[in-house]
N, C-alpha and C. Protein backbone atom coordinates (compact mmCIF):
# COMPACT_ATOMS: atom_id res chain seq x y z
N MET A 1 61.54 89.82 122.68
CA MET A 1 62.45 89.59 121.59
C MET A 1 61.87 90.23 120.32
N GLU A 2 62.70 90.97 119.63
CA GLU A 2 62.26 91.65 118.42
C GLU A 2 62.40 90.73 117.22
N ARG A 3 61.44 90.82 116.36
CA ARG A 3 61.47 90.01 115.15
C ARG A 3 62.19 90.77 114.05
N TYR A 4 63.11 90.10 113.40
CA TYR A 4 63.87 90.73 112.32
C TYR A 4 63.04 90.69 111.04
N GLU A 5 62.79 91.86 110.49
CA GLU A 5 62.06 91.94 109.22
C GLU A 5 63.02 92.37 108.13
N ARG A 6 62.96 91.68 107.03
CA ARG A 6 63.82 92.05 105.91
C ARG A 6 62.97 92.45 104.72
N LYS A 7 63.48 93.35 103.95
CA LYS A 7 62.78 93.83 102.77
C LYS A 7 63.05 92.85 101.63
N ARG A 8 62.00 92.37 101.02
CA ARG A 8 62.13 91.42 99.91
C ARG A 8 62.24 92.16 98.59
N SER A 9 62.85 91.54 97.63
CA SER A 9 63.10 92.14 96.32
C SER A 9 61.84 92.07 95.45
N TRP A 10 61.75 92.99 94.51
CA TRP A 10 60.64 93.00 93.56
C TRP A 10 60.73 91.81 92.60
N VAL A 11 61.86 91.13 92.57
CA VAL A 11 62.06 90.00 91.66
C VAL A 11 61.08 88.87 91.99
N TRP A 12 60.56 88.84 93.21
CA TRP A 12 59.57 87.82 93.57
C TRP A 12 58.32 87.92 92.70
N PHE A 13 58.05 89.10 92.16
CA PHE A 13 56.87 89.26 91.31
C PHE A 13 57.03 88.53 89.97
N LEU A 14 58.25 88.20 89.60
CA LEU A 14 58.47 87.49 88.34
C LEU A 14 58.03 86.03 88.43
N LEU A 15 58.06 85.47 89.62
CA LEU A 15 57.66 84.07 89.78
C LEU A 15 56.21 83.83 89.36
N PRO A 16 55.23 84.60 89.85
CA PRO A 16 53.86 84.37 89.37
C PRO A 16 53.65 84.79 87.93
N VAL A 17 54.47 85.71 87.42
CA VAL A 17 54.33 86.11 86.02
C VAL A 17 54.68 84.95 85.10
N PHE A 18 55.74 84.23 85.42
CA PHE A 18 56.19 83.15 84.54
C PHE A 18 55.57 81.79 84.86
N VAL A 19 55.23 81.54 86.12
CA VAL A 19 54.71 80.23 86.50
C VAL A 19 53.24 80.32 86.93
N GLN A 20 52.70 81.50 86.92
CA GLN A 20 51.29 81.80 87.19
C GLN A 20 50.83 81.35 88.56
N VAL A 21 49.77 80.57 88.66
CA VAL A 21 49.17 80.30 89.97
C VAL A 21 50.11 79.49 90.86
N ILE A 22 50.88 78.58 90.30
CA ILE A 22 51.83 77.81 91.11
C ILE A 22 52.92 78.74 91.63
N GLY A 23 53.42 79.61 90.79
CA GLY A 23 54.42 80.58 91.23
C GLY A 23 53.86 81.55 92.25
N GLY A 24 52.60 81.92 92.10
CA GLY A 24 51.96 82.78 93.09
C GLY A 24 51.86 82.11 94.45
N LEU A 25 51.52 80.83 94.45
CA LEU A 25 51.45 80.09 95.71
C LEU A 25 52.83 79.95 96.36
N ILE A 26 53.83 79.66 95.55
CA ILE A 26 55.20 79.54 96.09
C ILE A 26 55.64 80.87 96.69
N ALA A 27 55.43 81.96 95.93
CA ALA A 27 55.81 83.29 96.42
C ALA A 27 55.00 83.65 97.67
N TYR A 28 53.74 83.30 97.69
CA TYR A 28 52.89 83.62 98.84
C TYR A 28 53.44 82.98 100.12
N TYR A 29 53.73 81.69 100.05
CA TYR A 29 54.22 81.00 101.25
C TYR A 29 55.65 81.41 101.62
N ALA A 30 56.44 81.82 100.64
CA ALA A 30 57.80 82.27 100.93
C ALA A 30 57.82 83.67 101.53
N LEU A 31 56.92 84.54 101.08
CA LEU A 31 56.93 85.94 101.51
C LEU A 31 56.02 86.23 102.70
N ARG A 32 55.09 85.36 102.98
CA ARG A 32 54.07 85.62 104.00
C ARG A 32 54.62 86.04 105.36
N PRO A 33 55.66 85.42 105.89
CA PRO A 33 56.13 85.85 107.22
C PRO A 33 56.71 87.27 107.24
N ASP A 34 57.42 87.67 106.18
CA ASP A 34 58.10 88.96 106.18
C ASP A 34 57.31 90.07 105.51
N GLU A 35 56.67 89.76 104.41
CA GLU A 35 55.97 90.76 103.60
C GLU A 35 54.57 90.25 103.25
N PRO A 36 53.61 90.34 104.15
CA PRO A 36 52.28 89.78 103.87
C PRO A 36 51.57 90.48 102.70
N ARG A 37 51.74 91.79 102.56
CA ARG A 37 51.10 92.50 101.45
C ARG A 37 51.68 92.05 100.10
N MET A 38 52.99 91.94 100.03
CA MET A 38 53.65 91.49 98.81
C MET A 38 53.26 90.04 98.50
N ALA A 39 53.09 89.22 99.53
CA ALA A 39 52.70 87.83 99.34
C ALA A 39 51.30 87.75 98.71
N LYS A 40 50.38 88.56 99.22
CA LYS A 40 49.03 88.57 98.65
C LYS A 40 49.04 89.09 97.21
N ASP A 41 49.84 90.11 96.94
CA ASP A 41 49.93 90.64 95.59
C ASP A 41 50.45 89.59 94.61
N CYS A 42 51.47 88.84 95.02
CA CYS A 42 52.00 87.77 94.16
C CYS A 42 50.93 86.71 93.89
N LEU A 43 50.18 86.37 94.91
CA LEU A 43 49.12 85.38 94.74
C LEU A 43 48.04 85.90 93.79
N TYR A 44 47.65 87.16 93.96
CA TYR A 44 46.64 87.75 93.08
C TYR A 44 47.13 87.83 91.63
N ILE A 45 48.40 88.15 91.45
CA ILE A 45 48.96 88.20 90.09
C ILE A 45 48.90 86.82 89.45
N GLY A 46 49.28 85.80 90.19
CA GLY A 46 49.25 84.43 89.65
C GLY A 46 47.85 83.99 89.29
N ILE A 47 46.88 84.29 90.15
CA ILE A 47 45.49 83.90 89.88
C ILE A 47 44.94 84.67 88.68
N THR A 48 45.24 85.97 88.61
CA THR A 48 44.74 86.79 87.51
C THR A 48 45.32 86.35 86.17
N LEU A 49 46.61 86.10 86.13
CA LEU A 49 47.23 85.67 84.87
C LEU A 49 46.74 84.29 84.44
N THR A 50 46.50 83.40 85.39
CA THR A 50 45.95 82.10 85.04
C THR A 50 44.54 82.24 84.46
N ALA A 51 43.73 83.09 85.08
CA ALA A 51 42.36 83.31 84.57
C ALA A 51 42.40 83.95 83.19
N LEU A 52 43.30 84.91 82.97
CA LEU A 52 43.40 85.53 81.64
C LEU A 52 43.82 84.51 80.58
N ASN A 53 44.82 83.69 80.90
CA ASN A 53 45.26 82.67 79.94
C ASN A 53 44.14 81.68 79.64
N PHE A 54 43.39 81.28 80.65
CA PHE A 54 42.28 80.36 80.43
C PHE A 54 41.21 81.02 79.56
N GLY A 55 40.90 82.29 79.83
CA GLY A 55 39.91 83.01 79.03
C GLY A 55 40.33 83.15 77.57
N VAL A 56 41.59 83.48 77.35
CA VAL A 56 42.09 83.59 75.98
C VAL A 56 42.03 82.24 75.29
N PHE A 57 42.39 81.18 76.00
CA PHE A 57 42.32 79.84 75.43
C PHE A 57 40.90 79.48 75.02
N VAL A 58 39.93 79.76 75.88
CA VAL A 58 38.54 79.44 75.57
C VAL A 58 38.06 80.25 74.37
N ILE A 59 38.40 81.52 74.31
CA ILE A 59 37.98 82.36 73.18
C ILE A 59 38.60 81.86 71.88
N LEU A 60 39.90 81.57 71.89
CA LEU A 60 40.56 81.08 70.67
C LEU A 60 40.02 79.72 70.27
N PHE A 61 39.73 78.86 71.24
CA PHE A 61 39.15 77.56 70.93
C PHE A 61 37.78 77.72 70.29
N ALA A 62 36.97 78.64 70.82
CA ALA A 62 35.63 78.87 70.27
C ALA A 62 35.72 79.42 68.86
N ILE A 63 36.64 80.34 68.63
CA ILE A 63 36.82 80.90 67.28
C ILE A 63 37.26 79.81 66.32
N GLY A 64 38.23 79.01 66.75
CA GLY A 64 38.70 77.92 65.89
C GLY A 64 37.61 76.91 65.60
N PHE A 65 36.82 76.58 66.58
CA PHE A 65 35.73 75.63 66.38
C PHE A 65 34.69 76.20 65.42
N THR A 66 34.39 77.48 65.55
CA THR A 66 33.41 78.12 64.66
C THR A 66 33.90 78.11 63.22
N PHE A 67 35.16 78.50 63.02
CA PHE A 67 35.69 78.50 61.65
C PHE A 67 35.80 77.08 61.10
N ASP A 68 36.12 76.12 61.94
CA ASP A 68 36.20 74.75 61.49
C ASP A 68 34.84 74.25 61.01
N GLN A 69 33.79 74.55 61.77
CA GLN A 69 32.45 74.14 61.37
C GLN A 69 32.05 74.83 60.07
N MET A 70 32.40 76.10 59.92
CA MET A 70 32.04 76.85 58.72
C MET A 70 32.74 76.26 57.49
N PHE A 71 34.04 75.96 57.61
CA PHE A 71 34.78 75.43 56.47
C PHE A 71 34.37 74.00 56.15
N GLN A 72 34.04 73.22 57.16
CA GLN A 72 33.60 71.86 56.89
C GLN A 72 32.27 71.84 56.16
N SER A 73 31.36 72.75 56.50
CA SER A 73 30.07 72.77 55.82
C SER A 73 30.25 73.21 54.37
N GLU A 74 31.15 74.17 54.12
CA GLU A 74 31.41 74.57 52.73
C GLU A 74 32.05 73.43 51.95
N PHE A 75 32.95 72.68 52.59
CA PHE A 75 33.60 71.55 51.94
C PHE A 75 32.60 70.46 51.61
N ARG A 76 31.66 70.21 52.51
CA ARG A 76 30.64 69.19 52.23
C ARG A 76 29.76 69.61 51.07
N ASN A 77 29.39 70.89 51.00
CA ASN A 77 28.57 71.36 49.89
C ASN A 77 29.32 71.23 48.57
N ASP A 78 30.59 71.55 48.55
CA ASP A 78 31.38 71.42 47.33
C ASP A 78 31.48 69.96 46.90
N MET A 79 31.64 69.05 47.85
CA MET A 79 31.75 67.64 47.52
C MET A 79 30.42 67.09 47.01
N MET A 80 29.31 67.57 47.56
CA MET A 80 28.00 67.07 47.17
C MET A 80 27.64 67.50 45.75
N TRP A 81 27.92 68.74 45.43
CA TRP A 81 27.48 69.31 44.15
C TRP A 81 28.56 69.23 43.08
N GLY A 82 29.76 68.80 43.44
CA GLY A 82 30.82 68.67 42.46
C GLY A 82 31.33 70.01 41.95
N VAL A 83 31.26 71.03 42.77
CA VAL A 83 31.71 72.36 42.34
C VAL A 83 33.17 72.52 42.58
């Protein structure tokens, strides 16, 4: 018995773009029987975008924390000396 293979649409790549790792997992399990290469690509896109978002969050948090500490120390000096 021959297995029917159907070509999946490129629109599946939008799922991991917008929902990231969860969308990548959903697309992976939906596409795996028919398009294993496309399924892996969707999963990799979801993982990569999640890692990028986490990295950007950590960098922005570190920058914000650094500036917060800098401004608080200047504020304390102004309050101490009455400047």
